[in-house]
Amino acid sequence: MPNIKSAIKRVNVTEKKTAANKMKKSEMRTVLKKAKASIASGEGSAEAFKTAQITLDKAASKGHISKNAASRTKSRLAKAANAAK
């Protein structure tokens, strides 16, 4: 544990940010998992696909994932959705 006041603050801020980032990334993964499941089952796939796209775009804009990763994932979801139709 650091002794300097500013270092103590940095540790606290980093812990808070890490927890928030983990929560957002977990939420994103959950939405993707639900979208994949709904595409596979064929029920409500358009709605789930739209939600997944929005979630990926937000995650990319906030820096949780890269823009290319978001684009790649959306492309794969779209491909799966079109194949399921």
Protein backbone atom coordinates (compact mmCIF):
# COMPACT_ATOMS: atom_id res chain seq x y z
CA MET A 1 0.00 0.00 0.00
CA PRO A 2 1.45 3.39 -0.94
CA ASN A 3 2.26 6.03 1.68
CA ILE A 4 1.99 9.12 -0.51
CA LYS A 5 -1.42 10.76 -0.60
CA SER A 6 -1.62 11.07 -4.39
CA ALA A 7 -0.53 7.45 -4.85
CA ILE A 8 -3.23 6.30 -2.43
CA LYS A 9 -5.80 8.25 -4.43
CA ARG A 10 -4.57 6.73 -7.71
CA VAL A 11 -4.98 3.23 -6.24
CA ASN A 12 -8.55 4.01 -5.18
CA VAL A 13 -9.46 5.56 -8.53
CA THR A 14 -7.92 2.65 -10.43
CA GLU A 15 -9.87 0.12 -8.37
CA LYS A 16 -13.15 1.95 -9.04
CA LYS A 17 -12.47 2.24 -12.76
CA THR A 18 -11.42 -1.41 -12.99
CA ALA A 19 -14.65 -2.52 -11.31
CA ALA A 20 -16.74 -0.35 -13.66
CA ASN A 21 -14.91 -1.61 -16.74
CA LYS A 22 -15.34 -5.24 -15.67
CA MET A 23 -19.05 -4.67 -15.14
CA LYS A 24 -19.49 -3.09 -18.58
CA LYS A 25 -17.49 -5.82 -20.32
CA SER A 26 -19.48 -8.51 -18.51
CA GLU A 27 -22.74 -6.83 -19.53
CA MET A 28 -21.55 -6.72 -23.14
CA ARG A 29 -20.67 -10.43 -23.09
CA THR A 30 -24.07 -11.29 -21.63
CA VAL A 31 -25.90 -9.34 -24.34
CA LEU A 32 -23.82 -11.07 -27.02
CA LYS A 33 -24.52 -14.48 -25.53
CA LYS A 34 -28.26 -13.78 -25.48
CA ALA A 35 -28.16 -12.52 -29.07
CA LYS A 36 -26.34 -15.64 -30.26
CA ALA A 37 -28.83 -17.85 -28.43
CA SER A 38 -31.83 -16.04 -29.88
CA ILE A 39 -30.36 -16.18 -33.39
CA ALA A 40 -29.79 -19.90 -32.99
CA SER A 41 -33.34 -20.48 -31.73
CA GLY A 42 -34.87 -18.02 -34.20
CA GLU A 43 -37.11 -16.29 -31.66
CA GLY A 44 -36.74 -12.50 -31.35
CA SER A 45 -33.47 -12.56 -33.20
CA ALA A 46 -33.93 -9.16 -34.87
CA GLU A 47 -34.51 -7.44 -31.53
CA ALA A 48 -31.58 -9.18 -29.86
CA PHE A 49 -29.35 -8.42 -32.85
CA LYS A 50 -30.24 -4.72 -32.67
CA THR A 51 -29.53 -4.63 -28.92
CA ALA A 52 -26.19 -6.37 -29.45
CA GLN A 53 -25.21 -3.85 -32.14
CA ILE A 54 -26.02 -0.91 -29.87
CA THR A 55 -24.12 -2.47 -26.97
CA LEU A 56 -21.06 -3.13 -29.14
CA ASP A 57 -21.08 0.42 -30.51
CA LYS A 58 -21.28 1.87 -27.01
CA ALA A 59 -18.48 -0.39 -25.78
CA ALA A 60 -16.30 0.68 -28.70
CA SER A 61 -17.01 4.36 -28.16
CA LYS A 62 -16.19 4.10 -24.45
CA GLY A 63 -12.96 2.21 -25.19
CA HIS A 64 -13.93 -1.10 -23.60
CA ILE A 65 -13.17 -2.84 -26.90
CA SER A 66 -11.56 -1.60 -30.08
CA LYS A 67 -13.62 -0.31 -33.00
CA ASN A 68 -12.34 -3.13 -35.19
CA ALA A 69 -13.34 -5.77 -32.63
CA ALA A 70 -16.84 -4.28 -32.43
CA SER A 71 -17.14 -4.19 -36.20
CA ARG A 72 -15.89 -7.76 -36.54
CA THR A 73 -18.32 -9.04 -33.91
CA LYS A 74 -21.27 -7.20 -35.48
CA SER A 75 -20.34 -8.66 -38.85
CA ARG A 76 -20.25 -12.19 -37.47
CA LEU A 77 -23.62 -11.69 -35.76
CA ALA A 78 -25.15 -10.33 -38.97
CA LYS A 79 -23.77 -13.26 -40.93
CA ALA A 80 -25.27 -15.72 -38.44
CA ALA A 81 -28.59 -13.88 -38.43
CA ASN A 82 -28.80 -13.92 -42.23
CA ALA A 83 -27.89 -17.61 -42.35
CA ALA A 84 -30.61 -18.41 -39.79
CA LYS A 85 -33.35 -16.80 -41.89
